[in-house]
C-alpha atoms as a PDB file:
ATOM      1  CA  UNK A   1       9.044 -18.804  -4.990  1.00  0.00           C
ATOM      2  CA  UNK A   2       8.150 -18.105  -1.388  1.00  0.00           C
ATOM      3  CA  UNK A   3       9.148 -20.970   0.879  1.00  0.00           C
ATOM      4  CA  UNK A   4       6.343 -23.321   1.860  1.00  0.00           C
ATOM      5  CA  UNK A   5       7.162 -22.791   5.542  1.00  0.00           C
ATOM      6  CA  UNK A   6       6.525 -19.037   5.191  1.00  0.00           C
ATOM      7  CA  UNK A   7       3.137 -19.662   3.617  1.00  0.00           C
ATOM      8  CA  UNK A   8       2.286 -22.112   6.408  1.00  0.00           C
ATOM      9  CA  UNK A   9       3.410 -19.632   9.068  1.00  0.00           C
ATOM     10  CA  UNK A  10       1.315 -16.987   7.310  1.00  0.00           C
ATOM     11  CA  UNK A  11      -1.727 -19.245   7.702  1.00  0.00           C
ATOM     12  CA  UNK A  12      -0.894 -19.564  11.393  1.00  0.00           C
ATOM     13  CA  UNK A  13      -0.657 -15.781  11.766  1.00  0.00           C
ATOM     14  CA  UNK A  14      -3.945 -15.287   9.926  1.00  0.00           C
ATOM     15  CA  UNK A  15      -5.535 -17.862  12.210  1.00  0.00           C
ATOM     16  CA  UNK A  16      -4.376 -15.965  15.286  1.00  0.00           C
ATOM     17  CA  UNK A  17      -5.664 -12.723  13.792  1.00  0.00           C
ATOM     18  CA  UNK A  18      -8.968 -14.161  12.653  1.00  0.00           C
ATOM     19  CA  UNK A  19      -8.294 -12.728   9.205  1.00  0.00           C
ATOM     20  CA  UNK A  20      -9.710 -14.571   6.209  1.00  0.00           C
ATOM     21  CA  UNK A  21      -7.670 -12.764   3.530  1.00  0.00           C
ATOM     22  CA  UNK A  22      -4.004 -13.427   2.939  1.00  0.00           C
ATOM     23  CA  UNK A  23      -1.728 -10.387   2.632  1.00  0.00           C
ATOM     24  CA  UNK A  24      -0.673  -8.816  -0.659  1.00  0.00           C
ATOM     25  CA  UNK A  25       2.978  -8.785  -1.705  1.00  0.00           C
ATOM     26  CA  UNK A  26       4.548  -5.847  -3.565  1.00  0.00           C
ATOM     27  CA  UNK A  27       7.334  -6.460  -6.064  1.00  0.00           C
ATOM     28  CA  UNK A  28       8.963  -5.063  -9.211  1.00  0.00           C
ATOM     29  CA  UNK A  29       9.507  -6.875 -12.505  1.00  0.00           C
ATOM     30  CA  UNK A  30      10.017  -6.175 -16.191  1.00  0.00           C
ATOM     31  CA  UNK A  31       6.998  -8.211 -17.270  1.00  0.00           C
ATOM     32  CA  UNK A  32       3.409  -8.398 -16.083  1.00  0.00           C
ATOM     33  CA  UNK A  33       1.184 -11.485 -15.913  1.00  0.00           C
ATOM     34  CA  UNK A  34      -1.634 -11.990 -18.378  1.00  0.00           C
ATOM     35  CA  UNK A  35      -5.048 -10.728 -17.263  1.00  0.00           C
ATOM     36  CA  UNK A  36      -3.536  -8.425 -14.638  1.00  0.00           C
ATOM     37  CA  UNK A  37      -5.482  -5.422 -13.355  1.00  0.00           C
ATOM     38  CA  UNK A  38      -4.103  -2.004 -14.177  1.00  0.00           C
ATOM     39  CA  UNK A  39      -4.339   1.214 -16.166  1.00  0.00           C
ATOM     40  CA  UNK A  40      -4.452   1.680 -19.917  1.00  0.00           C
ATOM     41  CA  UNK A  41      -1.514   3.406 -21.555  1.00  0.00           C
ATOM     42  CA  UNK A  42      -1.741   7.175 -21.194  1.00  0.00           C
ATOM     43  CA  UNK A  43      -0.069  10.141 -22.872  1.00  0.00           C
ATOM     44  CA  UNK A  44       3.541  10.756 -21.810  1.00  0.00           C
ATOM     45  CA  UNK A  45       3.912  12.734 -18.580  1.00  0.00           C
ATOM     46  CA  UNK A  46       7.130  14.246 -17.237  1.00  0.00           C
ATOM     47  CA  UNK A  47       8.061  17.411 -15.359  1.00  0.00           C
ATOM     48  CA  UNK A  48       9.894  18.588 -18.474  1.00  0.00           C
ATOM     49  CA  UNK A  49       6.814  18.198 -20.676  1.00  0.00           C
ATOM     50  CA  UNK A  50       4.720  19.905 -18.000  1.00  0.00           C
ATOM     51  CA  UNK A  51       7.044  22.914 -17.852  1.00  0.00           C
ATOM     52  CA  UNK A  52       6.864  23.155 -21.645  1.00  0.00           C
ATOM     53  CA  UNK A  53       3.071  23.156 -21.515  1.00  0.00           C
ATOM     54  CA  UNK A  54       2.954  19.900 -23.462  1.00  0.00           C
ATOM     55  CA  UNK A  55       0.631  17.916 -21.163  1.00  0.00           C
ATOM     56  CA  UNK A  56      -3.139  17.836 -21.610  1.00  0.00           C
ATOM     57  CA  UNK A  57      -4.318  16.949 -18.104  1.00  0.00           C
ATOM     58  CA  UNK A  58      -7.829  16.265 -19.367  1.00  0.00           C
ATOM     59  CA  UNK A  59      -6.389  13.559 -21.614  1.00  0.00           C
ATOM     60  CA  UNK A  60      -4.270  12.247 -18.725  1.00  0.00           C
ATOM     61  CA  UNK A  61      -7.310  11.824 -16.481  1.00  0.00           C
ATOM     62  CA  UNK A  62      -9.507  10.447 -19.251  1.00  0.00           C
ATOM     63  CA  UNK A  63      -8.321   6.943 -18.349  1.00  0.00           C
ATOM     64  CA  UNK A  64      -7.826   7.556 -14.615  1.00  0.00           C
ATOM     65  CA  UNK A  65      -7.111   4.346 -12.725  1.00  0.00           C
ATOM     66  CA  UNK A  66      -6.263   4.265  -9.013  1.00  0.00           C
ATOM     67  CA  UNK A  67      -3.527   1.980  -7.688  1.00  0.00           C
ATOM     68  CA  UNK A  68      -5.709   1.087  -4.708  1.00  0.00           C
ATOM     69  CA  UNK A  69      -8.637   0.390  -7.025  1.00  0.00           C
ATOM     70  CA  UNK A  70      -6.577  -2.099  -9.022  1.00  0.00           C
ATOM     71  CA  UNK A  71      -5.293  -3.702  -5.832  1.00  0.00           C
ATOM     72  CA  UNK A  72      -8.939  -4.052  -4.781  1.00  0.00           C
ATOM     73  CA  UNK A  73      -9.622  -6.014  -7.991  1.00  0.00           C
ATOM     74  CA  UNK A  74      -6.555  -8.180  -7.353  1.00  0.00           C
ATOM     75  CA  UNK A  75      -7.841  -8.893  -3.838  1.00  0.00           C
ATOM     76  CA  UNK A  76     -11.349  -9.789  -4.976  1.00  0.00           C
ATOM     77  CA  UNK A  77     -10.274 -11.922  -7.922  1.00  0.00           C
ATOM     78  CA  UNK A  78      -6.997 -13.280  -6.507  1.00  0.00           C
ATOM     79  CA  UNK A  79      -4.924 -11.825  -9.300  1.00  0.00           C
ATOM     80  CA  UNK A  80      -2.209  -9.257  -9.914  1.00  0.00           C
ATOM     81  CA  UNK A  81      -2.448  -5.466 -10.056  1.00  0.00           C
ATOM     82  CA  UNK A  82       0.156  -3.293 -11.765  1.00  0.00           C
ATOM     83  CA  UNK A  83       1.307   0.202 -12.639  1.00  0.00           C
ATOM     84  CA  UNK A  84       4.086   1.255 -15.016  1.00  0.00           C
ATOM     85  CA  UNK A  85       5.576   4.419 -16.495  1.00  0.00           C
ATOM     86  CA  UNK A  86       3.417   4.187 -19.625  1.00  0.00           C
ATOM     87  CA  UNK A  87       0.399   2.572 -17.960  1.00  0.00           C
ATOM     88  CA  UNK A  88       0.159   4.887 -15.004  1.00  0.00           C
ATOM     89  CA  UNK A  89      -3.539   5.719 -14.558  1.00  0.00           C
ATOM     90  CA  UNK A  90      -2.803   8.374 -11.919  1.00  0.00           C
ATOM     91  CA  UNK A  91       0.108  10.876 -11.917  1.00  0.00           C
ATOM     92  CA  UNK A  92       0.319  10.699  -8.137  1.00  0.00           C
ATOM     93  CA  UNK A  93       0.332   6.908  -8.074  1.00  0.00           C
ATOM     94  CA  UNK A  94       3.017   6.891 -10.741  1.00  0.00           C
ATOM     95  CA  UNK A  95       5.274   8.995  -8.501  1.00  0.00           C
ATOM     96  CA  UNK A  96       4.549   7.103  -5.268  1.00  0.00           C
ATOM     97  CA  UNK A  97       5.184   3.720  -6.897  1.00  0.00           C
ATOM     98  CA  UNK A  98       8.568   4.852  -8.289  1.00  0.00           C
ATOM     99  CA  UNK A  99       7.376   5.053 -11.890  1.00  0.00           C
ATOM    100  CA  UNK A 100       8.060   8.778 -12.415  1.00  0.00           C
ATOM    101  CA  UNK A 101      10.473  11.362 -10.982  1.00  0.00           C
ATOM    102  CA  UNK A 102      10.169  14.185 -10.318  1.00  0.00           C
ATOM    103  CA  UNK A 103       6.462  14.602  -9.617  1.00  0.00           C
ATOM    104  CA  UNK A 104       4.230  16.821 -11.735  1.00  0.00           C
ATOM    105  CA  UNK A 105       3.674  20.291 -10.264  1.00  0.00           C
ATOM    106  CA  UNK A 106      -0.007  19.745 -11.065  1.00  0.00           C
ATOM    107  CA  UNK A 107      -0.244  17.328  -8.135  1.00  0.00           C
ATOM    108  CA  UNK A 108       0.999  19.978  -5.706  1.00  0.00           C
ATOM    109  CA  UNK A 109      -2.076  22.064  -6.503  1.00  0.00           C
ATOM    110  CA  UNK A 110      -4.589  19.286  -7.129  1.00  0.00           C
ATOM    111  CA  UNK A 111      -4.122  17.727  -3.679  1.00  0.00           C
ATOM    112  CA  UNK A 112      -4.206  21.083  -1.891  1.00  0.00           C
ATOM    113  CA  UNK A 113      -5.994  24.316  -2.883  1.00  0.00           C
ATOM    114  CA  UNK A 114      -6.432  23.822  -6.612  1.00  0.00           C
ATOM    115  CA  UNK A 115      -5.915  26.422  -9.308  1.00  0.00           C
ATOM    116  CA  UNK A 116      -7.330  29.895  -8.790  1.00  0.00           C
ATOM    117  CA  UNK A 117      -9.830  30.894 -11.459  1.00  0.00           C
ATOM    118  CA  UNK A 118     -10.474  27.317 -12.586  1.00  0.00           C
ATOM    119  CA  UNK A 119     -13.062  24.644 -11.657  1.00  0.00           C
ATOM    120  CA  UNK A 120     -10.269  22.647  -9.952  1.00  0.00           C
ATOM    121  CA  UNK A 121     -10.740  23.626  -6.314  1.00  0.00           C
ATOM    122  CA  UNK A 122      -8.330  21.021  -4.973  1.00  0.00           C
ATOM    123  CA  UNK A 123      -8.832  18.112  -2.587  1.00  0.00           C
ATOM    124  CA  UNK A 124      -7.823  20.179   0.479  1.00  0.00           C
ATOM    125  CA  UNK A 125      -5.776  17.347   1.971  1.00  0.00           C
ATOM    126  CA  UNK A 126      -2.918  19.772   2.753  1.00  0.00           C
ATOM    127  CA  UNK A 127      -3.208  23.551   3.218  1.00  0.00           C
ATOM    128  CA  UNK A 128      -0.980  24.741   0.368  1.00  0.00           C
ATOM    129  CA  UNK A 129       1.093  23.647  -2.641  1.00  0.00           C
ATOM    130  CA  UNK A 130       4.170  24.465  -0.556  1.00  0.00           C
ATOM    131  CA  UNK A 131       3.096  21.999   2.147  1.00  0.00           C
ATOM    132  CA  UNK A 132       2.505  19.360  -0.524  1.00  0.00           C
ATOM    133  CA  UNK A 133       5.915  20.028  -2.050  1.00  0.00           C
ATOM    134  CA  UNK A 134       7.528  19.493   1.349  1.00  0.00           C
ATOM    135  CA  UNK A 135       5.740  16.150   1.654  1.00  0.00           C
ATOM    136  CA  UNK A 136       6.753  15.049  -1.859  1.00  0.00           C
ATOM    137  CA  UNK A 137      10.378  16.002  -1.226  1.00  0.00           C
ATOM    138  CA  UNK A 138      10.312  13.981   1.997  1.00  0.00           C
ATOM    139  CA  UNK A 139       8.864  10.758   0.585  1.00  0.00           C
ATOM    140  CA  UNK A 140      10.991  10.940  -2.614  1.00  0.00           C
ATOM    141  CA  UNK A 141      10.689   7.342  -3.963  1.00  0.00           C
ATOM    142  CA  UNK A 142      13.755   5.744  -5.519  1.00  0.00           C
ATOM    143  CA  UNK A 143      14.029   4.778  -9.173  1.00  0.00           C
ATOM    144  CA  UNK A 144      12.082   1.566  -9.763  1.00  0.00           C
ATOM    145  CA  UNK A 145      14.159  -1.616 -10.175  1.00  0.00           C
ATOM    146  CA  UNK A 146      11.719  -2.934 -12.802  1.00  0.00           C
ATOM    147  CA  UNK A 147       9.316  -1.727 -15.473  1.00  0.00           C
ATOM    148  CA  UNK A 148       6.282  -2.682 -13.402  1.00  0.00           C
ATOM    149  CA  UNK A 149       5.268  -2.321  -9.783  1.00  0.00           C
ATOM    150  CA  UNK A 150       3.073  -5.329  -9.054  1.00  0.00           C
ATOM    151  CA  UNK A 151       0.769  -6.464  -6.275  1.00  0.00           C
ATOM    152  CA  UNK A 152      -0.572  -9.972  -5.643  1.00  0.00           C
ATOM    153  CA  UNK A 153      -1.415 -12.430  -2.833  1.00  0.00           C
ATOM    154  CA  UNK A 154       1.633 -14.079  -1.287  1.00  0.00           C
ATOM    155  CA  UNK A 155       0.598 -17.578  -2.355  1.00  0.00           C
ATOM    156  CA  UNK A 156       0.742 -16.514  -6.035  1.00  0.00           C
ATOM    157  CA  UNK A 157       4.477 -15.749  -5.950  1.00  0.00           C
ATOM    158  CA  UNK A 158       6.443 -18.274  -7.995  1.00  0.00           C
ATOM    159  CA  UNK A 159       9.920 -18.945  -9.330  1.00  0.00           C
ATOM    160  CA  UNK A 160      12.444 -16.398  -8.101  1.00  0.00           C
ATOM    161  CA  UNK A 161       9.759 -13.833  -7.246  1.00  0.00           C
ATOM    162  CA  UNK A 162       9.990 -12.313  -3.791  1.00  0.00           C
ATOM    163  CA  UNK A 163       8.020  -9.396  -2.354  1.00  0.00           C
ATOM    164  CA  UNK A 164       9.662  -6.262  -1.047  1.00  0.00           C
ATOM    165  CA  UNK A 165       6.653  -5.463   1.139  1.00  0.00           C
ATOM    166  CA  UNK A 166       3.625  -7.217   2.578  1.00  0.00           C
ATOM    167  CA  UNK A 167       0.274  -5.429   2.891  1.00  0.00           C
ATOM    168  CA  UNK A 168      -2.500  -6.453   5.278  1.00  0.00           C
ATOM    169  CA  UNK A 169      -6.043  -5.131   4.887  1.00  0.00           C
ATOM    170  CA  UNK A 170      -7.771  -5.280   8.251  1.00  0.00           C
ATOM    171  CA  UNK A 171     -10.166  -3.695  10.734  1.00  0.00           C
ATOM    172  CA  UNK A 172      -9.182  -2.301  14.175  1.00  0.00           C
ATOM    173  CA  UNK A 173      -9.290  -5.491  16.280  1.00  0.00           C
ATOM    174  CA  UNK A 174      -7.068  -7.324  13.800  1.00  0.00           C
ATOM    175  CA  UNK A 175      -4.842  -4.267  13.517  1.00  0.00           C
ATOM    176  CA  UNK A 176      -4.368  -4.328  17.288  1.00  0.00           C
ATOM    177  CA  UNK A 177      -2.812  -7.766  16.880  1.00  0.00           C
ATOM    178  CA  UNK A 178      -0.561  -6.668  14.016  1.00  0.00           C
ATOM    179  CA  UNK A 179       0.460  -3.544  15.919  1.00  0.00           C
ATOM    180  CA  UNK A 180       1.271  -5.445  19.110  1.00  0.00           C
ATOM    181  CA  UNK A 181       3.116  -8.236  17.341  1.00  0.00           C
ATOM    182  CA  UNK A 182       5.219  -5.768  15.345  1.00  0.00           C
ATOM    183  CA  UNK A 183       6.247  -4.026  18.558  1.00  0.00           C
ATOM    184  CA  UNK A 184       7.023  -7.375  20.179  1.00  0.00           C
ATOM    185  CA  UNK A 185       9.098  -8.451  17.175  1.00  0.00           C
ATOM    186  CA  UNK A 186      11.172  -5.268  16.906  1.00  0.00           C
ATOM    187  CA  UNK A 187      11.322  -4.263  20.573  1.00  0.00           C
ATOM    188  CA  UNK A 188      10.852  -0.665  19.445  1.00  0.00           C
ATOM    189  CA  UNK A 189       7.981   1.444  20.782  1.00  0.00           C
ATOM    190  CA  UNK A 190       7.723   3.489  17.577  1.00  0.00           C
ATOM    191  CA  UNK A 191       7.912   0.611  15.105  1.00  0.00           C
ATOM    192  CA  UNK A 192       4.444   1.448  13.724  1.00  0.00           C
ATOM    193  CA  UNK A 193       4.046   4.818  12.001  1.00  0.00           C
ATOM    194  CA  UNK A 194       1.261   6.525  10.072  1.00  0.00           C
ATOM    195  CA  UNK A 195       2.537   9.484   8.038  1.00  0.00           C
ATOM    196  CA  UNK A 196       0.343  11.502   5.681  1.00  0.00           C
ATOM    197  CA  UNK A 197      -0.062  10.139   2.173  1.00  0.00           C
ATOM    198  CA  UNK A 198      -2.305   8.770  -0.525  1.00  0.00           C
ATOM    199  CA  UNK A 199      -3.444   5.171  -0.203  1.00  0.00           C
ATOM    200  CA  UNK A 200      -0.574   3.995  -2.410  1.00  0.00           C
ATOM    201  CA  UNK A 201       1.945   6.212  -0.597  1.00  0.00           C
ATOM    202  CA  UNK A 202       1.452   4.233   2.578  1.00  0.00           C
ATOM    203  CA  UNK A 203       1.727   0.809   0.932  1.00  0.00           C
ATOM    204  CA  UNK A 204       4.712   1.620  -1.298  1.00  0.00           C
ATOM    205  CA  UNK A 205       6.456   4.985  -0.975  1.00  0.00           C
ATOM    206  CA  UNK A 206       6.758   5.331   2.805  1.00  0.00           C
ATOM    207  CA  UNK A 207       7.739   1.664   3.331  1.00  0.00           C
ATOM    208  CA  UNK A 208      10.381   2.153   0.616  1.00  0.00           C
ATOM    209  CA  UNK A 209      11.801   5.201   2.371  1.00  0.00           C
ATOM    210  CA  UNK A 210      12.027   3.504   5.768  1.00  0.00           C
ATOM    211  CA  UNK A 211      13.650   0.459   4.188  1.00  0.00           C
ATOM    212  CA  UNK A 212      16.270   2.620   2.475  1.00  0.00           C
ATOM    213  CA  UNK A 213      16.962   4.303   5.817  1.00  0.00           C
ATOM    214  CA  UNK A 214      17.530   0.908   7.438  1.00  0.00           C
ATOM    215  CA  UNK A 215      14.538   1.328   9.757  1.00  0.00           C
ATOM    216  CA  UNK A 216      12.132  -1.450  10.741  1.00  0.00           C
ATOM    217  CA  UNK A 217       8.823   0.356  10.417  1.00  0.00           C
ATOM    218  CA  UNK A 218       5.319  -0.897   9.804  1.00  0.00           C
ATOM    219  CA  UNK A 219       3.187   1.706   8.021  1.00  0.00           C
ATOM    220  CA  UNK A 220      -0.460   2.112   8.956  1.00  0.00           C
ATOM    221  CA  UNK A 221      -2.477   3.662   6.122  1.00  0.00           C
ATOM    222  CA  UNK A 222      -5.808   3.811   4.385  1.00  0.00           C
ATOM    223  CA  UNK A 223      -6.838   7.235   5.700  1.00  0.00           C
ATOM    224  CA  UNK A 224      -6.804   8.878   2.269  1.00  0.00           C
ATOM    225  CA  UNK A 225     -10.444   9.915   1.567  1.00  0.00           C
ATOM    226  CA  UNK A 226      -9.945   9.352  -2.174  1.00  0.00           C
ATOM    227  CA  UNK A 227      -8.943   5.723  -1.630  1.00  0.00           C
ATOM    228  CA  UNK A 228     -11.683   4.775   0.846  1.00  0.00           C
ATOM    229  CA  UNK A 229     -14.012   3.724  -1.974  1.00  0.00           C
ATOM    230  CA  UNK A 230     -11.578   0.896  -2.771  1.00  0.00           C
ATOM    231  CA  UNK A 231     -11.536  -0.510   0.757  1.00  0.00           C
ATOM    232  CA  UNK A 232     -14.035  -2.272   2.969  1.00  0.00           C
ATOM    233  CA  UNK A 233     -15.889  -0.291   5.621  1.00  0.00           C
ATOM    234  CA  UNK A 234     -13.662   0.319   8.670  1.00  0.00           C
ATOM    235  CA  UNK A 235     -10.682  -1.268   6.898  1.00  0.00           C
ATOM    236  CA  UNK A 236      -7.115   0.098   6.973  1.00  0.00           C
ATOM    237  CA  UNK A 237      -3.773  -1.010   5.557  1.00  0.00           C
ATOM    238  CA  UNK A 238      -0.763  -2.287   7.474  1.00  0.00           C
ATOM    239  CA  UNK A 239       2.461  -2.654   5.475  1.00  0.00           C
ATOM    240  CA  UNK A 240       5.772  -4.189   6.523  1.00  0.00           C
ATOM    241  CA  UNK A 241       8.996  -4.946   4.689  1.00  0.00           C
ATOM    242  CA  UNK A 242       9.679  -8.543   3.672  1.00  0.00           C
ATOM    243  CA  UNK A 243      12.584  -8.966   6.136  1.00  0.00           C
ATOM    244  CA  UNK A 244      10.440  -7.624   8.992  1.00  0.00           C
ATOM    245  CA  UNK A 245       7.552  -9.859   7.989  1.00  0.00           C
ATOM    246  CA  UNK A 246       9.775 -12.945   8.164  1.00  0.00           C
ATOM    247  CA  UNK A 247      10.969 -11.873  11.623  1.00  0.00           C
ATOM    248  CA  UNK A 248       7.351 -11.463  12.707  1.00  0.00           C
ATOM    249  CA  UNK A 249       6.566 -15.005  11.605  1.00  0.00           C
ATOM    250  CA  UNK A 250       9.563 -16.412  13.498  1.00  0.00           C
ATOM    251  CA  UNK A 251       8.459 -14.552  16.631  1.00  0.00           C
ATOM    252  CA  UNK A 252       4.962 -16.075  16.627  1.00  0.00           C
ATOM    253  CA  UNK A 253       5.656 -18.858  19.183  1.00  0.00           C
ATOM    254  CA  UNK A 254       6.555 -16.299  21.855  1.00  0.00           C
ATOM    255  CA  UNK A 255       4.044 -13.610  20.927  1.00  0.00           C
ATOM    256  CA  UNK A 256       0.877 -12.236  22.529  1.00  0.00           C
ATOM    257  CA  UNK A 257      -1.025 -14.867  20.556  1.00  0.00           C
ATOM    258  CA  UNK A 258       0.696 -17.695  22.436  1.00  0.00           C
ATOM    259  CA  UNK A 259      -0.506 -16.825  25.948  1.00  0.00           C
ATOM    260  CA  UNK A 260      -3.917 -16.930  27.568  1.00  0.00           C
ATOM    261  CA  UNK A 261      -4.222 -13.180  28.075  1.00  0.00           C
ATOM    262  CA  UNK A 262      -5.847 -10.109  26.587  1.00  0.00           C
ATOM    263  CA  UNK A 263      -5.688 -11.436  23.047  1.00  0.00           C
ATOM    264  CA  UNK A 264      -8.281 -14.071  23.933  1.00  0.00           C
ATOM    265  CA  UNK A 265     -10.794 -11.303  24.571  1.00  0.00           C
ATOM    266  CA  UNK A 266      -9.829  -9.443  21.409  1.00  0.00           C
ATOM    267  CA  UNK A 267     -10.161 -12.650  19.398  1.00  0.00           C
ATOM    268  CA  UNK A 268     -13.762 -12.966  20.588  1.00  0.00           C
ATOM    269  CA  UNK A 269     -14.424  -9.449  19.335  1.00  0.00           C
ATOM    270  CA  UNK A 270     -12.857 -10.382  16.002  1.00  0.00           C
ATOM    271  CA  UNK A 271     -15.207 -13.362  15.739  1.00  0.00           C
ATOM    272  CA  UNK A 272     -18.151 -11.098  16.504  1.00  0.00           C
ATOM    273  CA  UNK A 273     -16.995  -8.567  13.899  1.00  0.00           C
ATOM    274  CA  UNK A 274     -16.552 -11.296  11.286  1.00  0.00           C
ATOM    275  CA  UNK A 275     -20.053 -12.581  11.989  1.00  0.00           C
ATOM    276  CA  UNK A 276     -21.450  -9.061  11.668  1.00  0.00           C
ATOM    277  CA  UNK A 277     -19.795  -8.560   8.296  1.00  0.00           C
ATOM    278  CA  UNK A 278     -20.456 -12.079   7.053  1.00  0.00           C
ATOM    279  CA  UNK A 279     -16.747 -12.867   6.994  1.00  0.00           C
ATOM    280  CA  UNK A 280     -14.324 -15.044   8.958  1.00  0.00           C
ATOM    281  CA  UNK A 281     -12.187 -18.120   8.691  1.00  0.00           C
END
């Protein structure tokens, strides 16, 4: 269970930011809650089966289900989203969330220039399969510590559950506060990064890599065109590790939010934005 003081400090942070949605926690477990949002079970997929020509990609994509789409449902309905090795929904999401290693070669073509002589022309997010392979080798998620990768609002964590990462969904003015406060907390000018990746890469895989490298990095994401349909207009993601998030909360009393300076002006813009979108706290 997350300590009550952390949840109270989270409310304080959200108040400073003018954000009316609590962040989502990412964790791994061997069981999933009832009525969680996630993919149906799909046919087995592995590199070995792919090399043997034993995977029917049409069958794999028949029950396509995006990680970011299921997180969107968890956000709207205040529930839990999941992905597992058997219930993967998307081969790319399965790799990025540590459910499958190595990645399917199919993804290297699908995300880039497609397959010559077929209707699959590729997403054109990178210029070549080789460029995609370099990216996949770099992000290289670890083996998952549980059967399921799960996502839910912080206040829903109970028992011994603890998130590994915390995801904010926010628009630019709010992001300016998160960006500035992260820099203030770490004292590092490059503590916020935004590497290439799918929507789920930037809320799971890249944060995992930086954590394993012992680096305090917040990851700005949400630029993946395929994932934009599962996010609000103008919204991006901002993901931090659980230890960094706790440090950010402890630093609140001395932060940019505590002085009568530029943040006061930004906060007015946030109020105006919330009014425009029919949101706010």
